[in-house]
Amino acid sequence: MAKKKKIFLLLLAAGLFLFSRLYNLTAFPIFCDEAIYIRWAQVLKSIHSLWWVPLSDGKQPLFMWLAAITLSIFSDPLFAGRLVSVLAGLGEAWLVWRLGRLLHLRRSWLAYFIYLLLPFFLFFNRLALVDSLLSFWITLSFYLAFLLAEKRKSWLAILLGISLGAAWLTKSPGEIFIFVVPLAGTLWLLLGQEIGEMRRRSFWLLEGLFALSSLIAFSLYNLLRLAPVFYMISRRNRDYLWGWQYLRQHPFGPLLAHLGDLGRYYLHYLTWPGALFALLGFLLLLKKKNWPVLAVLLLWWLPVIPMLAVAKVFTARYVLFSALPLLLSIGIAVDWLWRWQWGKGLILVAALPALVFMKNLWQVNPHLSLPRDEYRGYLEAWTAGEGIRPIARYLQNLPPQTKAVVGTEGFFGTLPNGLQIYFDQSPNITVIGVGVDIDKVSSSLLNAKKAGNRVFLVANASRFHLQNPQKKGLVLIKSFPKPGGDKLLFWELKNVQKM
């Protein structure tokens, strides 16, 4: 009976998590990078020999490989792409519960529900971006490293190597953890027992197993060298990182600026009660002198510093993995407060901002609480794909034999990729980019109209500079307003003679 109850509770917990992530999953407008990744996944799903396509832009391909699988199962490309992040989040939530038990949280299930509610994970688990998957692999690697430190089994070392390699195949920062995770496992062994009790043979056996894990991780990653454009990874990484010459002149410039951004992101995505609880958790660890847990959490978070010190561009999703040690610290504080009735009440009140965030995210409420720069990128600027889904539905409902050409602002990103993903298997509808700033009707669209196609144009109002579009033969079908005042305009080219 107890086993059935446990299974029921596990299924209930998984069901609550999936509901929180899957409910209204595709309502949030597609983001620029999502459009690119899903389009790549469609390409390599259709032509398997092009498995290396993401490398052409310097991106590791594991997320797109997995998205190609979900795209083969589900017809909605946005749902299929975001499902990869949802499943990564579900796996990470389970790992958080297991890590809570490993770190001796008396109520480790609390850590699971904190993960479920925190806006940081809720938001990025619902987007087709690589960062949720990277965070999953990093969390799995730490969990396996702790198990390896305790059990010292070769099969755990193999699994750890695969996990570390998968992290690196997901995104470049995964490389850092090939060095950090074994160090964390070693500290877990050294600080977790008296030195006099530890046998020298156990220590060196563990280091040998960690070396095996690192070798497997390096081997997996270096399979990418088979791709003809492998060199693009390092080239594109340089586009996002400051070089040595700049850092010599401004050694602390990027770090100090980004530390301020990091604080803003944590306050928004952890919520201010969550940030206070994280601080309380670290203070409790210091008070109890729980050095193993404290050392591991700090080491887990430490890679953030060099990343901030060299990054040209910094957004919250780049440090999603760094929220896990903070979450575990929140779990320690919540576990301590749960012992008192007033503490339970305080926890429930502290959860209110997260619940409001969840409600607003489900409804795509314009009052969704995001940092200003993040809000602009996801909901206001050209990177936000508000209106793309309804435009796709309009085009899909055209008479079956209609041949249509759709010109869009841009050549890569939200447009045209965000629209192309809906017509991967539609030979009658062609979506092409025609320019960033639209100040004339492209000759390619004029020629398509003369050839007898129905011709459409999609562009943001902020980039649409064509004077008197009606006199050029364009008829506005609909405009889709964005929170910041911009609009996505959907035109049809009706008359070529007026050009």
Protein backbone atom coordinates (compact mmCIF):
# COMPACT_ATOMS: atom_id res chain seq x y z
CA MET A 1 0.00 0.00 0.00
CA ALA A 2 2.83 2.36 0.88
CA LYS A 3 4.43 1.67 -2.52
CA LYS A 4 1.17 2.49 -4.34
CA LYS A 5 0.86 5.71 -2.37
CA LYS A 6 4.43 6.68 -3.29
CA ILE A 7 3.77 5.99 -6.98
CA PHE A 8 0.57 8.03 -6.82
CA LEU A 9 2.36 10.98 -5.21
CA LEU A 10 5.15 10.83 -7.82
CA LEU A 11 2.63 10.80 -10.66
CA LEU A 12 0.73 13.66 -9.04
CA ALA A 13 3.93 15.72 -8.70
CA ALA A 14 4.88 15.02 -12.33
CA GLY A 15 1.34 15.87 -13.44
CA LEU A 16 1.40 19.21 -11.63
CA PHE A 17 4.76 20.04 -13.19
CA LEU A 18 3.64 19.14 -16.71
CA PHE A 19 0.44 21.14 -16.30
CA SER A 20 2.42 24.21 -15.19
CA ARG A 21 4.67 23.92 -18.25
CA LEU A 22 2.30 22.67 -20.95
CA TYR A 23 -0.75 24.80 -20.21
CA ASN A 24 -1.17 27.34 -23.02
CA LEU A 25 2.42 26.53 -24.04
CA THR A 26 2.28 28.08 -27.51
CA ALA A 27 0.43 31.27 -26.52
CA PHE A 28 3.64 33.15 -25.71
CA PRO A 29 5.01 34.68 -28.95
CA ILE A 30 7.90 32.90 -30.58
CA PHE A 31 11.30 34.42 -29.81
CA CYS A 32 14.08 35.01 -32.33
CA ASP A 33 16.40 32.17 -31.22
CA GLU A 34 13.47 29.75 -30.91
CA ALA A 35 12.59 30.35 -34.56
CA ILE A 36 16.17 29.68 -35.64
CA TYR A 37 16.57 26.49 -33.58
CA ILE A 38 13.25 24.99 -34.66
CA ARG A 39 13.99 25.76 -38.31
CA TRP A 40 17.40 24.05 -38.01
CA ALA A 41 15.72 21.05 -36.39
CA GLN A 42 13.29 20.81 -39.30
CA VAL A 43 16.13 20.91 -41.81
CA LEU A 44 18.14 18.12 -40.18
CA LYS A 45 14.96 16.07 -39.62
CA SER A 46 14.28 16.20 -43.35
CA ILE A 47 17.88 15.72 -44.49
CA HIS A 48 19.77 13.59 -41.95
CA SER A 49 23.12 14.22 -43.63
CA LEU A 50 22.81 17.87 -42.54
CA TRP A 51 23.06 16.97 -38.84
CA TRP A 52 25.76 19.65 -38.51
CA VAL A 53 23.62 22.60 -39.77
CA PRO A 54 23.60 24.44 -36.37
CA LEU A 55 27.40 24.44 -36.46
CA SER A 56 27.27 26.73 -39.49
CA ASP A 57 26.34 29.49 -37.05
CA GLY A 58 28.68 28.22 -34.32
CA LYS A 59 25.96 26.53 -32.21
CA GLN A 60 26.26 23.05 -30.73
CA PRO A 61 23.52 20.82 -32.14
CA LEU A 62 22.20 18.57 -29.33
CA PHE A 63 19.06 20.62 -28.66
CA MET A 64 18.19 20.60 -32.37
CA TRP A 65 18.80 16.84 -32.59
CA LEU A 66 16.30 16.28 -29.79
CA ALA A 67 13.86 18.80 -31.29
CA ALA A 68 14.00 16.87 -34.57
CA ILE A 69 12.61 13.85 -32.66
CA THR A 70 9.72 15.79 -31.12
CA LEU A 71 9.01 17.41 -34.50
CA SER A 72 8.55 13.91 -35.90
CA ILE A 73 5.84 13.24 -33.30
CA PHE A 74 3.94 16.54 -32.98
CA SER A 75 2.56 18.59 -35.87
CA ASP A 76 2.81 22.00 -34.15
CA PRO A 77 6.48 23.01 -34.56
CA LEU A 78 6.45 25.55 -31.73
CA PHE A 79 4.93 23.03 -29.32
CA ALA A 80 7.41 20.36 -30.43
CA GLY A 81 10.41 22.66 -29.97
CA ARG A 82 9.31 23.91 -26.57
CA LEU A 83 8.53 20.37 -25.43
CA VAL A 84 12.27 19.62 -25.34
CA SER A 85 12.72 22.31 -22.69
CA VAL A 86 9.64 21.10 -20.80
CA LEU A 87 11.00 17.55 -20.59
CA ALA A 88 14.45 18.85 -19.61
CA GLY A 89 12.76 20.82 -16.83
CA LEU A 90 10.85 17.75 -15.65
CA GLY A 91 14.09 15.79 -15.45
CA GLU A 92 15.81 18.61 -13.61
CA ALA A 93 12.92 18.95 -11.15
CA TRP A 94 13.29 15.24 -10.30
CA LEU A 95 17.05 15.74 -9.87
CA VAL A 96 16.42 18.66 -7.52
CA TRP A 97 14.31 16.37 -5.34
CA ARG A 98 17.06 13.71 -5.39
CA LEU A 99 19.73 16.30 -4.64
CA GLY A 100 17.65 17.54 -1.72
CA ARG A 101 17.76 14.03 -0.26
CA LEU A 102 21.47 13.76 -0.95
CA LEU A 103 22.05 17.10 0.81
CA HIS A 104 20.02 15.83 3.76
CA LEU A 105 17.03 18.14 3.40
CA ARG A 106 14.45 16.61 5.71
CA ARG A 107 11.66 17.62 3.34
CA SER A 108 13.34 17.25 -0.03
CA TRP A 109 9.96 17.34 -1.76
CA LEU A 110 9.85 21.07 -0.95
CA ALA A 111 12.80 21.64 -3.32
CA TYR A 112 10.76 20.03 -6.11
CA PHE A 113 7.85 22.42 -5.62
CA ILE A 114 10.17 25.41 -5.33
CA TYR A 115 11.55 24.45 -8.75
CA LEU A 116 7.99 24.12 -10.06
CA LEU A 117 7.05 27.65 -8.91
CA LEU A 118 10.20 29.75 -9.38
CA PRO A 119 9.76 32.09 -12.40
CA PHE A 120 13.39 31.50 -13.47
CA PHE A 121 12.70 27.86 -14.33
CA LEU A 122 9.02 28.25 -15.18
CA PHE A 123 9.77 30.86 -17.85
CA PHE A 124 12.71 29.18 -19.58
CA ASN A 125 11.24 25.66 -19.33
CA ARG A 126 8.48 26.98 -21.63
CA LEU A 127 10.77 28.31 -24.38
CA ALA A 128 12.56 26.40 -27.14
CA LEU A 129 15.99 27.64 -26.03
CA VAL A 130 19.04 25.54 -25.23
CA ASP A 131 19.49 26.82 -21.68
CA SER A 132 16.98 24.57 -19.90
CA LEU A 133 18.61 21.55 -21.51
CA LEU A 134 22.08 22.79 -20.51
CA SER A 135 20.92 23.33 -16.92
CA PHE A 136 19.51 19.78 -16.85
CA TRP A 137 22.80 18.23 -17.96
CA ILE A 138 24.79 20.29 -15.44
CA THR A 139 22.45 19.32 -12.61
CA LEU A 140 22.60 15.66 -13.64
CA SER A 141 26.41 15.86 -13.75
CA PHE A 142 26.62 17.21 -10.19
CA TYR A 143 24.21 14.55 -8.95
CA LEU A 144 26.20 11.76 -10.62
CA ALA A 145 29.48 13.22 -9.29
CA PHE A 146 28.17 13.09 -5.72
CA LEU A 147 26.99 9.51 -6.20
CA LEU A 148 30.35 8.62 -7.72
CA ALA A 149 32.15 10.13 -4.72
CA GLU A 150 30.11 7.94 -2.39
CA LYS A 151 29.95 4.68 -4.38
CA ARG A 152 33.01 4.85 -6.69
CA LYS A 153 31.48 2.65 -9.41
CA SER A 154 32.73 2.64 -13.00
CA TRP A 155 29.22 2.68 -14.49
CA LEU A 156 28.54 5.95 -12.68
CA ALA A 157 31.75 7.39 -14.16
CA ILE A 158 30.55 6.42 -17.65
CA LEU A 159 27.16 8.04 -17.07
CA LEU A 160 28.88 11.15 -15.72
CA GLY A 161 31.08 11.35 -18.81
CA ILE A 162 28.05 11.10 -21.09
CA SER A 163 26.25 13.80 -19.09
CA LEU A 164 29.23 16.18 -19.19
CA GLY A 165 29.68 15.54 -22.90
CA ALA A 166 25.99 16.20 -23.51
CA ALA A 167 26.27 19.51 -21.66
CA TRP A 168 29.15 20.54 -23.94
CA LEU A 169 27.21 19.35 -27.00
CA THR A 170 24.36 21.63 -25.88
CA LYS A 171 26.25 24.89 -25.34
CA SER A 172 29.85 26.06 -24.96
CA PRO A 173 29.67 26.87 -21.18
CA GLY A 174 29.27 23.13 -20.63
CA GLU A 175 33.04 22.89 -21.16
CA ILE A 176 33.70 24.67 -17.85
CA PHE A 177 31.87 21.99 -15.89
CA ILE A 178 34.13 19.22 -17.15
CA PHE A 179 36.61 20.71 -14.66
CA VAL A 180 34.21 22.04 -12.02
CA VAL A 181 32.08 18.92 -11.50
CA PRO A 182 34.99 16.54 -10.65
CA LEU A 183 36.33 19.17 -8.24
CA ALA A 184 32.90 19.35 -6.58
CA GLY A 185 32.79 15.57 -6.28
CA THR A 186 36.27 15.51 -4.76
CA LEU A 187 35.28 18.18 -2.21
CA TRP A 188 32.17 16.16 -1.38
CA LEU A 189 34.40 13.22 -0.52
CA LEU A 190 37.06 15.20 1.35
CA LEU A 191 34.74 17.39 3.39
CA GLY A 192 32.12 14.75 3.96
CA GLN A 193 34.20 12.64 6.33
CA GLU A 194 37.20 12.88 8.62
CA ILE A 195 40.46 12.78 6.69
CA GLY A 196 41.75 10.06 8.98
CA GLU A 197 38.90 7.78 7.97
CA MET A 198 39.50 8.18 4.27
CA ARG A 199 41.73 5.67 2.61
CA ARG A 200 44.26 6.99 0.16
CA ARG A 201 43.27 4.27 -2.29
CA SER A 202 39.64 5.51 -2.31
CA PHE A 203 40.77 9.03 -3.15
CA TRP A 204 42.95 7.99 -6.08
CA LEU A 205 40.31 5.56 -7.32
CA LEU A 206 37.80 8.41 -7.39
CA GLU A 207 40.21 10.68 -9.28
CA GLY A 208 40.80 7.91 -11.81
CA LEU A 209 37.07 7.55 -12.35
CA PHE A 210 36.72 11.31 -12.78
CA ALA A 211 39.52 11.19 -15.36
CA LEU A 212 37.56 8.51 -17.22
CA SER A 213 34.46 10.72 -17.16
CA SER A 214 36.40 13.67 -18.56
CA LEU A 215 37.89 11.50 -21.31
CA ILE A 216 34.41 10.32 -22.34
CA ALA A 217 33.10 13.91 -22.34
CA PHE A 218 35.99 15.15 -24.52
CA SER A 219 35.53 12.21 -26.89
CA LEU A 220 31.82 12.87 -27.33
CA TYR A 221 32.34 16.55 -28.01
CA ASN A 222 35.13 15.93 -30.49
CA LEU A 223 32.78 13.92 -32.68
CA LEU A 224 31.68 17.35 -33.90
CA ARG A 225 35.06 17.66 -35.63
CA LEU A 226 33.57 15.43 -38.33
CA ALA A 227 31.50 18.41 -39.43
CA PRO A 228 33.06 20.61 -42.13
CA VAL A 229 32.18 23.80 -40.22
CA PHE A 230 33.39 22.77 -36.75
CA TYR A 231 35.71 25.79 -36.70
CA MET A 232 32.65 28.08 -36.57
CA ILE A 233 32.11 27.31 -32.88
CA SER A 234 35.29 29.05 -31.78
CA ARG A 235 34.80 31.82 -34.33
CA ARG A 236 31.26 32.58 -33.13
CA ASN A 237 32.31 32.32 -29.48
CA ARG A 238 34.68 35.23 -30.13
CA ASP A 239 31.69 37.32 -31.23
CA TYR A 240 30.25 37.00 -27.71
CA LEU A 241 33.44 37.30 -25.65
CA TRP A 242 35.87 40.18 -25.10
CA GLY A 243 39.41 39.49 -26.25
CA TRP A 244 42.56 39.66 -24.14
CA GLN A 245 43.52 43.12 -25.45
CA TYR A 246 40.23 44.66 -24.31
CA LEU A 247 40.34 42.94 -20.92
CA ARG A 248 43.88 44.22 -20.33
CA GLN A 249 42.63 47.76 -20.73
CA HIS A 250 39.33 47.21 -18.87
CA PRO A 251 39.95 44.26 -16.52
CA PHE A 252 36.84 44.78 -14.38
CA GLY A 253 34.63 46.71 -16.81
CA PRO A 254 32.42 43.86 -18.08
CA LEU A 255 32.31 42.11 -14.70
CA LEU A 256 31.10 45.12 -12.72
CA ALA A 257 28.46 46.02 -15.30
CA HIS A 258 27.17 42.47 -15.54
CA LEU A 259 27.09 41.94 -11.77
CA GLY A 260 24.46 44.68 -11.60
CA ASP A 261 22.50 42.93 -14.35
CA LEU A 262 22.82 39.62 -12.52
CA GLY A 263 21.32 41.13 -9.36
CA ARG A 264 18.38 42.49 -11.36
CA TYR A 265 17.76 39.14 -13.02
CA TYR A 266 17.88 37.24 -9.74
CA LEU A 267 15.43 39.63 -8.06
CA HIS A 268 12.97 39.29 -10.93
CA TYR A 269 13.24 35.60 -11.72
CA LEU A 270 13.73 34.33 -8.16
CA THR A 271 11.26 36.94 -6.82
CA TRP A 272 12.42 39.11 -3.93
CA PRO A 273 11.10 36.63 -1.27
CA GLY A 274 13.02 33.86 -3.05
CA ALA A 275 16.20 35.96 -3.04
CA LEU A 276 15.80 36.60 0.72
CA PHE A 277 15.22 32.90 1.36
CA ALA A 278 18.36 32.04 -0.65
CA LEU A 279 20.38 34.37 1.59
CA LEU A 280 18.79 32.84 4.70
CA GLY A 281 19.70 29.36 3.48
CA PHE A 282 23.38 30.27 3.10
CA LEU A 283 23.37 31.84 6.57
CA LEU A 284 21.89 28.65 8.00
CA LEU A 285 24.63 26.61 6.32
CA LEU A 286 27.25 28.91 7.83
CA LYS A 287 25.67 28.67 11.27
CA LYS A 288 25.58 24.86 11.12
CA LYS A 289 29.12 24.79 9.64
CA ASN A 290 27.86 22.50 6.90
CA TRP A 291 31.02 22.90 4.85
CA PRO A 292 30.42 20.13 2.28
CA VAL A 293 27.08 21.54 1.12
CA LEU A 294 28.25 25.15 1.33
CA ALA A 295 31.43 24.44 -0.66
CA VAL A 296 29.55 22.54 -3.36
CA LEU A 297 26.88 25.23 -3.80
CA LEU A 298 29.50 27.97 -4.05
CA LEU A 299 31.58 25.93 -6.50
CA TRP A 300 28.47 25.25 -8.60
CA TRP A 301 27.81 28.98 -8.81
CA LEU A 302 31.48 30.02 -9.27
CA PRO A 303 31.64 29.65 -13.12
CA VAL A 304 29.29 32.62 -13.35
CA ILE A 305 32.15 35.00 -12.43
CA PRO A 306 34.48 34.27 -15.39
CA MET A 307 31.46 34.24 -17.71
CA LEU A 308 30.46 37.73 -16.59
CA ALA A 309 34.05 38.95 -16.76
CA VAL A 310 34.44 38.21 -20.49
CA ALA A 311 30.88 38.40 -21.88
CA LYS A 312 30.01 41.08 -24.41
CA VAL A 313 26.31 40.23 -24.29
CA PHE A 314 24.59 39.01 -21.16
CA THR A 315 21.00 37.90 -20.64
CA ALA A 316 19.32 35.95 -17.86
CA ARG A 317 19.09 32.66 -19.74
CA TYR A 318 22.89 32.47 -19.98
CA VAL A 319 23.10 31.89 -16.21
CA LEU A 320 20.01 29.73 -15.74
CA PHE A 321 22.24 26.93 -14.42
CA SER A 322 23.45 29.25 -11.64
CA ALA A 323 19.94 29.40 -10.16
CA LEU A 324 20.12 25.75 -9.04
CA PRO A 325 22.45 26.31 -6.06
CA LEU A 326 20.28 29.30 -5.10
CA LEU A 327 17.19 27.10 -5.35
CA LEU A 328 18.77 24.51 -3.07
CA SER A 329 19.64 27.29 -0.65
CA ILE A 330 16.02 28.43 -0.77
CA GLY A 331 15.05 24.82 -0.06
CA ILE A 332 17.23 24.80 3.05
CA ALA A 333 15.54 27.99 4.32
CA VAL A 334 12.04 26.69 3.53
CA ASP A 335 12.84 23.36 5.20
CA TRP A 336 13.90 25.26 8.34
CA LEU A 337 10.81 27.51 8.33
CA TRP A 338 8.43 24.60 7.72
CA ARG A 339 8.86 23.44 11.34
CA TRP A 340 6.70 26.28 12.68
CA GLN A 341 3.12 27.19 11.94
CA TRP A 342 4.05 30.83 11.36
CA GLY A 343 6.82 29.65 9.06
CA LYS A 344 4.34 27.77 6.87
CA GLY A 345 2.23 30.93 6.63
CA LEU A 346 5.29 32.98 5.69
CA ILE A 347 6.18 30.48 2.96
CA LEU A 348 2.68 30.66 1.48
CA VAL A 349 2.78 34.47 1.43
CA ALA A 350 6.27 34.39 -0.13
CA ALA A 351 4.93 32.14 -2.91
CA LEU A 352 2.36 34.73 -4.05
CA PRO A 353 4.68 36.66 -6.45
CA ALA A 354 5.60 33.39 -8.15
CA LEU A 355 1.94 32.39 -8.49
CA VAL A 356 1.08 35.79 -10.00
CA PHE A 357 3.98 35.39 -12.45
CA MET A 358 2.68 31.93 -13.42
CA LYS A 359 -0.84 33.28 -14.02
CA ASN A 360 0.43 36.19 -16.13
CA LEU A 361 2.71 33.90 -18.13
CA TRP A 362 -0.12 31.49 -18.91
CA GLN A 363 -2.28 34.37 -20.11
CA VAL A 364 0.58 36.25 -21.85
CA ASN A 365 -0.45 39.24 -19.76
CA PRO A 366 1.32 42.48 -20.81
CA HIS A 367 1.95 43.09 -17.10
CA LEU A 368 4.19 40.01 -16.90
CA SER A 369 7.02 40.89 -14.51
CA LEU A 370 10.29 40.60 -16.46
CA PRO A 371 13.42 42.75 -16.30
CA ARG A 372 12.98 45.71 -18.67
CA ASP A 373 15.56 44.57 -21.22
CA GLU A 374 14.20 41.01 -21.18
CA TYR A 375 10.61 42.22 -21.52
CA ARG A 376 11.56 44.25 -24.57
CA GLY A 377 13.32 41.30 -26.21
CA TYR A 378 10.60 38.73 -25.59
CA LEU A 379 7.49 40.88 -26.07
CA GLU A 380 8.19 44.26 -27.70
CA ALA A 381 11.09 44.38 -30.15
CA TRP A 382 11.60 42.77 -33.56
CA THR A 383 12.85 39.67 -31.73
CA ALA A 384 9.30 39.06 -30.41
CA GLY A 385 7.04 37.10 -32.75
CA GLU A 386 3.63 38.47 -31.79
CA GLY A 387 1.20 37.83 -34.67
CA ILE A 388 3.21 35.13 -36.44
CA ARG A 389 0.93 32.24 -35.43
CA PRO A 390 -2.31 33.90 -36.59
CA ILE A 391 -0.63 34.89 -39.86
CA ALA A 392 0.43 31.26 -40.32
CA ARG A 393 -3.17 30.11 -39.68
CA TYR A 394 -4.48 32.61 -42.24
CA LEU A 395 -2.07 31.29 -44.86
CA GLN A 396 -2.81 27.67 -43.97
CA ASN A 397 -6.52 28.35 -44.57
CA LEU A 398 -5.98 29.56 -48.13
CA PRO A 399 -7.66 27.38 -50.80
CA PRO A 400 -5.60 24.16 -51.22
CA GLN A 401 -4.40 24.86 -54.76
CA THR A 402 -3.35 28.44 -54.02
CA LYS A 403 0.30 29.18 -54.65
CA ALA A 404 1.57 31.93 -52.36
CA VAL A 405 4.83 33.75 -51.81
CA VAL A 406 5.32 35.50 -48.47
CA GLY A 407 8.05 38.11 -48.18
CA THR A 408 9.18 39.04 -44.69
CA GLU A 409 11.36 41.56 -43.00
CA GLY A 410 14.82 40.13 -42.27
CA PHE A 411 16.66 37.09 -43.58
CA PHE A 412 17.35 35.11 -40.39
CA GLY A 413 15.63 34.92 -37.01
CA THR A 414 12.10 35.76 -35.93
CA LEU A 415 11.34 36.57 -39.54
CA PRO A 416 11.43 34.69 -41.82
CA ASN A 417 12.26 31.58 -39.71
CA GLY A 418 9.36 32.07 -37.31
CA LEU A 419 6.94 31.81 -40.26
CA GLN A 420 8.89 29.22 -42.25
CA ILE A 421 8.55 26.60 -39.49
CA TYR A 422 4.79 26.37 -40.21
CA PHE A 423 5.27 25.60 -43.91
CA ASP A 424 8.03 23.02 -43.83
CA GLN A 425 5.75 20.51 -45.59
CA SER A 426 3.74 23.02 -47.67
CA PRO A 427 5.19 23.23 -51.21
CA ASN A 428 2.55 25.76 -52.32
CA ILE A 429 3.62 28.40 -49.78
CA THR A 430 7.08 29.90 -49.96
CA VAL A 431 8.42 32.21 -47.24
CA ILE A 432 11.45 34.38 -48.09
CA GLY A 433 13.27 37.28 -46.48
CA VAL A 434 13.28 40.49 -48.54
CA GLY A 435 15.20 43.00 -46.41
CA VAL A 436 15.63 44.45 -42.95
CA ASP A 437 14.22 47.95 -43.54
CA ILE A 438 11.34 47.76 -45.99
CA ASP A 439 11.27 50.92 -48.13
CA LYS A 440 10.04 49.36 -51.39
CA VAL A 441 8.26 46.29 -52.69
CA SER A 442 10.96 43.76 -53.48
CA SER A 443 11.46 42.76 -57.11
CA SER A 444 11.18 39.11 -56.08
CA LEU A 445 7.64 39.78 -54.79
CA LEU A 446 6.72 41.74 -57.93
CA ASN A 447 7.92 38.88 -60.12
CA ALA A 448 6.03 36.35 -58.01
CA LYS A 449 2.84 38.38 -58.45
CA LYS A 450 3.34 38.62 -62.20
CA ALA A 451 3.78 34.84 -62.28
CA GLY A 452 0.27 34.42 -60.86
CA ASN A 453 1.01 33.78 -57.20
CA ARG A 454 -0.78 35.40 -54.30
CA VAL A 455 1.84 37.59 -52.66
CA PHE A 456 2.04 38.75 -49.05
CA LEU A 457 4.40 40.90 -47.01
CA VAL A 458 5.05 40.68 -43.25
CA ALA A 459 7.07 43.35 -41.42
CA ASN A 460 7.24 45.22 -38.15
CA ALA A 461 5.90 48.77 -38.33
CA SER A 462 9.19 50.06 -36.87
CA ARG A 463 11.01 48.69 -39.92
CA PHE A 464 8.36 49.40 -42.53
CA HIS A 465 9.30 52.66 -44.26
CA LEU A 466 7.37 52.34 -47.52
CA GLN A 467 5.52 55.58 -48.31
CA ASN A 468 1.87 55.29 -49.46
CA PRO A 469 1.79 51.47 -49.48
CA GLN A 470 -1.78 51.42 -50.84
CA LYS A 471 -0.60 53.25 -53.96
CA LYS A 472 2.02 50.53 -54.40
CA GLY A 473 -0.69 47.88 -54.52
CA LEU A 474 -0.48 46.74 -50.89
CA VAL A 475 -3.64 46.09 -48.88
CA LEU A 476 -3.38 45.71 -45.11
CA ILE A 477 -5.00 42.46 -43.96
CA LYS A 478 -4.35 42.91 -40.26
CA SER A 479 -1.90 44.46 -37.79
CA PHE A 480 -0.87 42.80 -34.54
CA PRO A 481 0.07 45.27 -31.78
CA LYS A 482 2.92 44.59 -29.38
CA PRO A 483 3.06 45.92 -25.79
CA GLY A 484 5.73 48.51 -26.56
CA GLY A 485 3.76 50.24 -29.32
CA ASP A 486 5.22 48.44 -32.34
CA LYS A 487 3.01 46.35 -34.65
CA LEU A 488 3.46 43.39 -36.92
CA LEU A 489 1.90 44.32 -40.27
CA PHE A 490 0.42 41.73 -42.62
CA TRP A 491 -0.08 42.96 -46.19
CA GLU A 492 -1.21 41.42 -49.46
CA LEU A 493 0.12 42.67 -52.78
CA LYS A 494 -2.97 43.11 -54.95
CA ASN A 495 -1.88 45.24 -57.91
CA VAL A 496 1.44 45.29 -59.77
CA GLN A 497 0.45 47.98 -62.28
CA LYS A 498 0.54 50.68 -59.61
CA MET A 499 4.22 50.12 -58.92
